[in-house]
Protein backbone atom coordinates (compact mmCIF):
# COMPACT_ATOMS: atom_id res chain seq x y z
CA MET A 1 0.88 4.02 -22.00
CA ASP A 2 1.51 0.48 -23.23
CA SER A 3 -1.30 -2.07 -23.15
CA LEU A 4 0.40 -4.80 -21.15
CA THR A 5 -2.23 -7.35 -22.10
CA GLU A 6 -1.57 -6.72 -25.79
CA LEU A 7 2.20 -6.78 -25.27
CA ALA A 8 1.97 -10.18 -23.67
CA ALA A 9 -0.31 -11.54 -26.37
CA VAL A 10 1.63 -10.19 -29.34
CA GLY A 11 5.20 -10.33 -28.11
CA GLY A 12 5.15 -13.61 -26.27
CA GLU A 13 8.35 -13.99 -24.31
CA ASN A 14 10.07 -11.24 -26.32
CA LEU A 15 9.03 -8.40 -24.06
CA PRO A 16 10.33 -4.83 -24.40
CA ALA A 17 13.62 -4.45 -22.52
CA LYS A 18 12.23 -1.61 -20.39
CA TYR A 19 10.17 -4.14 -18.39
CA ILE A 20 12.97 -6.66 -17.86
CA HIS A 21 15.01 -6.92 -14.66
CA PRO A 22 18.33 -8.13 -16.12
CA ASN A 23 19.24 -10.28 -13.12
CA GLY A 24 15.79 -11.75 -12.74
CA ILE A 25 13.63 -11.22 -9.66
CA ASN A 26 14.28 -14.24 -7.50
CA GLY A 27 17.63 -15.67 -8.49
CA GLY A 28 16.03 -17.64 -11.29
CA LYS A 29 13.68 -19.44 -8.89
CA ASP A 30 9.90 -19.39 -9.01
CA PRO A 31 8.76 -16.64 -6.58
CA PHE A 32 5.53 -18.57 -5.97
CA LEU A 33 7.50 -21.37 -4.34
CA LEU A 34 8.74 -19.09 -1.57
CA PRO A 35 7.40 -19.83 1.93
CA PHE A 36 4.43 -17.99 3.37
CA ILE A 37 5.14 -15.48 6.09
CA ASP A 38 3.57 -16.18 9.47
CA ILE A 39 1.97 -12.76 9.48
CA PRO A 40 0.19 -11.71 12.71
CA VAL A 41 -3.61 -11.35 12.63
CA ILE A 42 -5.08 -8.53 14.71
CA ASP A 43 -8.74 -8.42 15.78
CA VAL A 44 -9.80 -4.76 15.53
CA GLY A 45 -12.93 -5.54 17.54
CA HIS A 46 -10.81 -5.38 20.69
CA PHE A 47 -10.08 -1.70 19.96
CA THR A 48 -13.62 -0.64 19.02
CA ASN A 49 -15.29 -2.61 21.83
CA PRO A 50 -12.79 -2.68 24.70
CA SER A 51 -12.68 -5.94 26.63
CA THR A 52 -10.45 -7.77 29.07
CA ASP A 53 -8.34 -8.87 26.08
CA THR A 54 -7.70 -5.34 24.73
CA GLY A 55 -4.36 -5.05 26.53
CA LYS A 56 -3.17 -8.36 25.08
CA GLU A 57 -4.22 -7.30 21.58
CA LEU A 58 -2.35 -4.00 21.97
CA GLU A 59 0.78 -5.92 22.94
CA LYS A 60 0.27 -8.17 19.92
CA LEU A 61 -0.14 -5.11 17.69
CA ARG A 62 3.06 -3.53 18.99
CA ALA A 63 5.02 -6.76 18.52
CA ALA A 64 3.71 -7.18 14.96
CA LEU A 65 4.67 -3.65 13.92
CA SER A 66 8.06 -3.88 15.61
CA SER A 67 9.01 -7.21 14.08
CA TYR A 68 7.11 -7.40 10.78
CA GLY A 69 5.84 -3.89 10.03
CA CYS A 70 2.77 -5.46 8.49
CA LEU A 71 -0.19 -7.47 9.71
CA LEU A 72 -3.61 -8.77 8.76
CA ILE A 73 -6.65 -7.18 10.39
CA ILE A 74 -10.05 -8.79 10.86
CA ASN A 75 -13.35 -7.55 12.34
CA HIS A 76 -12.40 -4.18 10.89
CA GLY A 77 -15.92 -2.89 10.26
CA VAL A 78 -15.94 -3.20 6.46
CA GLU A 79 -18.53 -5.78 5.44
CA SER A 80 -17.61 -8.67 3.16
CA LEU A 81 -20.30 -7.58 0.69
CA LEU A 82 -18.73 -4.13 0.36
CA LEU A 83 -15.26 -5.61 -0.14
CA ASP A 84 -16.64 -7.71 -2.99
CA LYS A 85 -18.34 -4.64 -4.50
CA VAL A 86 -15.04 -2.77 -4.48
CA ARG A 87 -13.31 -5.61 -6.32
CA THR A 88 -16.20 -5.94 -8.76
CA VAL A 89 -16.42 -2.27 -9.82
CA PHE A 90 -12.70 -2.19 -10.57
CA LYS A 91 -12.93 -5.37 -12.64
CA GLN A 92 -15.85 -3.82 -14.51
CA PHE A 93 -13.80 -0.69 -15.14
CA LEU A 94 -10.94 -2.79 -16.50
CA ALA A 95 -13.36 -4.56 -18.85
CA LEU A 96 -14.40 -1.27 -20.48
CA PRO A 97 -13.14 -0.42 -23.98
CA THR A 98 -9.71 1.21 -23.93
CA GLU A 99 -11.06 4.59 -25.07
CA GLN A 100 -13.39 4.74 -22.05
CA LYS A 101 -10.63 3.88 -19.58
CA LEU A 102 -8.41 6.54 -21.16
CA GLU A 103 -11.00 9.18 -20.30
CA CYS A 104 -9.46 8.88 -16.82
CA TRP A 105 -5.89 8.80 -18.13
CA THR A 106 -3.26 11.09 -16.67
CA GLU A 107 0.49 11.46 -16.31
CA GLY A 108 0.00 13.00 -12.88
CA PHE A 109 -0.79 11.72 -9.40
CA GLN A 110 -4.49 11.00 -9.93
CA GLY A 111 -6.21 9.06 -12.69
CA TYR A 112 -5.59 5.95 -14.78
CA GLY A 113 -2.19 5.08 -16.16
CA SER A 114 1.27 3.97 -15.10
CA ASP A 115 3.58 5.60 -12.60
CA PRO A 116 5.90 8.10 -14.34
CA LEU A 117 9.60 7.29 -14.37
CA VAL A 118 12.26 9.66 -13.09
CA THR A 119 14.67 8.64 -15.86
CA ASP A 120 14.27 6.62 -19.07
CA VAL A 121 16.72 3.93 -17.92
CA MET A 122 14.59 2.78 -14.99
CA VAL A 123 12.72 -0.50 -15.24
CA HIS A 124 8.97 -0.21 -15.81
CA ASP A 125 6.44 -1.98 -13.60
CA TRP A 126 4.20 -4.64 -15.15
CA SER A 127 1.03 -2.98 -13.92
CA HIS A 128 -1.51 -0.25 -14.50
CA ARG A 129 -3.18 1.76 -11.75
CA LEU A 130 -6.15 3.99 -11.10
CA ARG A 131 -5.27 6.43 -8.32
CA LEU A 132 -7.78 8.78 -6.71
CA ILE A 133 -7.74 11.01 -3.63
CA THR A 134 -10.72 9.99 -1.50
CA CYS A 135 -10.43 11.92 1.79
CA PRO A 136 -11.18 14.65 2.56
CA GLU A 137 -13.95 15.02 -0.01
CA GLU A 138 -12.98 18.57 -0.98
CA MET A 139 -9.65 17.25 -2.34
CA ARG A 140 -11.29 14.82 -4.74
CA GLN A 141 -10.80 15.52 -8.45
CA MET A 142 -13.98 13.99 -9.82
CA LYS A 143 -12.87 14.33 -13.45
CA TYR A 144 -10.66 11.28 -12.84
CA TRP A 145 -13.38 9.20 -11.18
CA PRO A 146 -14.84 6.75 -13.72
CA GLU A 147 -18.38 7.38 -14.94
CA ASN A 148 -18.70 3.65 -15.58
CA PRO A 149 -19.60 1.36 -13.99
CA LYS A 150 -22.43 3.56 -12.76
CA ASN A 151 -22.02 2.60 -9.10
CA PHE A 152 -18.24 3.09 -9.02
CA LYS A 153 -18.36 6.45 -7.24
CA GLU A 154 -20.95 5.30 -4.71
CA VAL A 155 -19.02 2.13 -3.83
CA LEU A 156 -15.67 3.88 -3.48
CA HIS A 157 -17.22 6.65 -1.37
CA GLU A 158 -18.74 4.11 1.04
CA TYR A 159 -15.51 2.13 1.26
CA SER A 160 -13.27 5.16 1.79
CA THR A 161 -15.61 6.54 4.47
CA LYS A 162 -15.29 3.31 6.46
CA LEU A 163 -11.51 3.26 6.00
CA GLN A 164 -11.29 6.81 7.32
CA VAL A 165 -12.86 5.63 10.59
CA LEU A 166 -10.68 2.50 10.65
CA HIS A 167 -7.56 4.60 10.07
CA ASP A 168 -8.14 6.65 13.22
CA VAL A 169 -8.95 3.53 15.24
CA MET A 170 -5.69 1.89 14.23
CA LEU A 171 -3.46 4.96 14.75
CA LYS A 172 -4.95 5.45 18.22
CA ALA A 173 -4.38 1.79 19.06
CA MET A 174 -0.78 2.03 17.83
CA ALA A 175 -0.16 5.04 20.06
CA LYS A 176 -1.73 3.30 23.07
CA SER A 177 0.41 0.22 22.43
CA LEU A 178 3.46 2.47 22.99
CA LYS A 179 1.95 3.96 26.18
CA LEU A 180 1.39 7.32 24.44
CA ASP A 181 -1.57 9.66 24.26
CA GLU A 182 -3.89 8.04 21.73
CA SER A 183 -4.07 11.09 19.45
CA VAL A 184 -0.35 11.88 19.26
CA PHE A 185 0.15 10.43 15.75
CA LEU A 186 -3.07 11.96 14.42
CA ARG A 187 -2.07 15.43 15.65
CA MET A 188 1.35 15.21 14.01
CA ILE A 189 0.10 14.16 10.55
CA GLY A 190 -2.77 16.67 10.63
CA GLU A 191 -6.52 16.31 10.59
CA PRO A 192 -8.71 15.48 8.76
CA VAL A 193 -6.80 12.49 7.44
CA ILE A 194 -5.70 12.57 3.79
CA MET A 195 -6.24 9.22 2.08
CA SER A 196 -6.24 7.95 -1.48
CA ALA A 197 -7.21 4.80 -3.33
CA ARG A 198 -4.78 3.09 -5.66
CA PHE A 199 -6.39 0.32 -7.70
CA ASN A 200 -3.67 -1.93 -9.14
CA PHE A 201 -4.02 -4.18 -12.18
CA TYR A 202 -1.41 -6.86 -12.87
CA PRO A 203 -2.00 -8.61 -16.22
CA PRO A 204 -0.54 -12.06 -16.82
CA CYS A 205 3.02 -11.98 -18.16
CA PRO A 206 4.85 -14.70 -20.13
CA ARG A 207 8.09 -13.94 -18.26
CA PRO A 208 7.12 -13.65 -14.58
CA ASP A 209 10.70 -14.54 -13.67
CA GLN A 210 11.98 -11.27 -15.18
CA VAL A 211 9.33 -8.62 -14.46
CA LEU A 212 7.69 -7.16 -11.38
CA GLY A 213 4.25 -5.70 -10.86
CA LEU A 214 5.73 -3.31 -8.31
CA LYS A 215 9.42 -2.92 -7.49
CA PRO A 216 10.68 -3.55 -3.93
CA HIS A 217 9.85 -0.54 -1.79
CA SER A 218 8.53 0.63 1.55
CA ASP A 219 5.53 2.94 1.60
CA GLY A 220 6.12 6.68 1.86
CA THR A 221 2.93 6.93 3.90
CA VAL A 222 1.67 6.88 7.47
CA ILE A 223 -0.13 3.55 7.09
CA THR A 224 -1.53 1.69 4.09
CA PHE A 225 -4.56 -0.61 3.98
CA LEU A 226 -4.44 -3.22 1.21
CA LEU A 227 -7.42 -5.15 -0.12
CA GLN A 228 -6.06 -8.20 -1.91
CA ASP A 229 -7.43 -10.20 -4.80
CA LYS A 230 -9.59 -12.98 -3.36
CA GLU A 231 -8.15 -15.66 -5.63
CA VAL A 232 -4.69 -14.66 -6.85
CA GLU A 233 -1.75 -13.93 -4.57
CA GLY A 234 1.19 -11.71 -5.47
CA LEU A 235 2.21 -9.60 -2.46
CA GLN A 236 5.61 -10.51 -0.98
CA VAL A 237 7.44 -9.07 2.03
CA LEU A 238 11.16 -8.95 2.81
CA LYS A 239 12.01 -10.05 6.35
CA ASP A 240 15.48 -10.82 7.69
CA GLY A 241 16.91 -10.75 4.17
CA GLN A 242 14.45 -13.29 2.75
CA TRP A 243 11.34 -12.82 0.62
CA PHE A 244 8.07 -14.34 1.87
CA ARG A 245 4.64 -14.68 0.29
CA VAL A 246 1.73 -12.97 2.06
CA PRO A 247 -1.31 -15.25 2.35
CA VAL A 248 -4.72 -14.20 1.06
CA ILE A 249 -7.54 -14.15 3.60
CA PRO A 250 -10.55 -12.89 1.57
CA ASP A 251 -12.18 -10.64 4.19
CA ALA A 252 -9.00 -9.51 5.95
CA LEU A 253 -7.10 -6.32 5.11
CA VAL A 254 -3.33 -6.06 5.05
CA LEU A 255 -1.97 -3.12 7.04
CA ASN A 256 1.52 -1.85 6.26
CA ALA A 257 3.37 0.64 8.44
CA GLY A 258 4.60 3.55 6.34
CA GLU A 259 7.91 5.36 6.61
CA HIS A 260 6.32 8.32 8.40
CA LEU A 261 5.02 6.00 11.10
CA GLU A 262 8.50 4.53 11.49
CA ILE A 263 9.88 8.04 12.01
CA MET A 264 7.12 9.12 14.44
CA SER A 265 7.65 5.93 16.48
CA ASN A 266 11.42 6.62 16.56
CA GLY A 267 12.04 3.27 14.93
CA GLU A 268 9.82 1.25 17.29
CA PHE A 269 7.65 0.35 14.29
CA LYS A 270 9.22 -0.82 11.02
CA SER A 271 8.09 0.06 7.50
CA PRO A 272 8.42 -3.23 5.58
CA ILE A 273 10.00 -3.60 2.15
CA HIS A 274 7.56 -5.38 -0.14
CA ARG A 275 6.94 -6.06 -3.83
CA ALA A 276 4.26 -7.38 -6.18
CA VAL A 277 5.04 -10.37 -8.42
CA VAL A 278 3.03 -11.46 -11.45
CA ASN A 279 2.23 -14.84 -12.96
CA SER A 280 1.91 -16.17 -16.49
CA GLU A 281 -1.72 -17.28 -16.39
CA ARG A 282 -3.96 -15.17 -14.19
CA LYS A 283 -4.56 -11.45 -13.88
CA ARG A 284 -4.58 -9.95 -10.42
CA ILE A 285 -6.03 -6.83 -8.81
CA SER A 286 -5.56 -5.10 -5.47
CA LEU A 287 -6.54 -1.82 -3.83
CA ALA A 288 -4.07 0.09 -1.67
CA ALA A 289 -5.46 2.88 0.51
CA PRO A 290 -2.62 4.93 2.03
CA SER A 291 -2.78 7.87 4.40
CA ILE A 292 -0.27 10.71 4.19
CA PRO A 293 0.64 13.74 6.33
CA HIS A 294 -0.68 17.18 5.44
CA ASP A 295 1.66 19.26 3.29
CA GLY A 296 3.98 21.29 5.47
CA ASN A 297 3.51 19.22 8.60
CA GLU A 298 6.82 18.31 10.17
CA ILE A 299 7.14 14.62 10.96
CA GLU A 300 9.58 13.63 13.69
CA PRO A 301 9.89 11.19 16.60
CA VAL A 302 7.27 11.96 19.23
CA GLU A 303 8.60 13.23 22.53
CA GLY A 304 7.53 10.25 24.61
CA LEU A 305 9.76 7.92 22.59
CA VAL A 306 13.01 9.90 22.83
CA SER A 307 15.22 9.53 25.89
CA GLU A 308 18.83 9.04 26.99
CA GLU A 309 18.32 5.29 26.74
CA ARG A 310 16.76 5.60 23.26
CA PRO A 311 18.09 8.72 21.53
CA ARG A 312 16.41 10.39 18.59
CA LEU A 313 16.98 8.30 15.45
CA PHE A 314 15.49 10.57 12.75
CA ARG A 315 15.58 14.21 11.74
CA LYS A 316 12.44 16.18 10.86
CA VAL A 317 10.93 15.58 7.42
CA LYS A 318 8.04 17.02 5.43
CA TYR A 319 5.84 14.98 3.13
CA ASN A 320 6.41 15.44 -0.60
CA GLY A 321 4.72 13.03 -3.00
CA ARG A 322 7.08 13.73 -5.89
CA ILE A 323 10.12 13.05 -3.75
CA HIS A 324 8.64 9.75 -2.59
CA LEU A 325 8.06 8.74 -6.21
CA ARG A 326 11.75 9.40 -6.94
CA TYR A 327 12.72 7.25 -3.98
CA TYR A 328 10.47 4.44 -5.24
CA GLN A 329 11.74 4.53 -8.81
CA SER A 330 15.40 4.65 -7.73
CA GLY A 331 15.08 1.82 -5.20
CA ARG A 332 15.97 4.06 -2.26
CA ARG A 333 14.11 4.74 1.01
CA MET A 334 13.32 8.14 2.46
CA VAL A 335 13.46 6.76 5.97
CA ASP A 336 17.10 5.77 5.47
CA ASP A 337 18.06 9.29 4.39
CA ALA A 338 16.19 10.72 7.37
CA ARG A 339 18.19 8.65 9.81
CA ILE A 340 20.60 10.60 12.01
């Protein structure tokens, strides 16, 4: 695994070709000059403490997922102090000597490293990640969980426990927004929910016009919660053929609809294409927390959303993490291949 920080310091603008997108990433224009997207903000408090405004918030949620596929959520039950602790323990991990970080190194799904490439000709991402399964607890592989900082495991456990609750709240609200039984999505993906944590590190790069932290993709998940860096932006979303910057609201979480949710909703909800850009001066971190279906569970449009007026749009699929990685690296989307 290359040290991207060292590559940038030693190589200057002469970066290895494997990181370079030959045509640039934004037509030669600065991606940080793109407009901000007017992303909807959803107040989760209306779903946990029903009020006279709950119906309006459900309509707002449905509209956001149908038009944007992503949204910002507030009053989500994860305290600001805990969000800061999550950011801090990852920054402390990154500050460790290389040999300590490599104790968590792996070429597989979990651990510290870079995503493996399907072929040698594919462009590498300008990022490192620490990926860990968090829920259910019996699926955790603790050998990949950092021993330092000392409170890393405690902080991530507390955060992932709260996200597990939030996950069910949001999937139930999504089902209710479509006039469905609130548990229909949860039953199809399988319970208990399977979630992971993907800590992303994007070092500064001297050629931010030619590299990407993450290539354009939609998530091969059910839903994904994203905790952004409080100070440095970098997430961008494609809407109507144009890239937009996603604003940073420190205590809000980004929620992306995954491809499996798009299939279950028979296309009512959209899984957005997004990317991560880097800059030349400041490092950036983020934490993605996706949920995925249980292995072997068949994902298909739910019955209440298929009719003569709206025929079935997708065939049945089964989750396979390796296949989704191939889709990501090749720039393709599973949801497109699943379309009838």
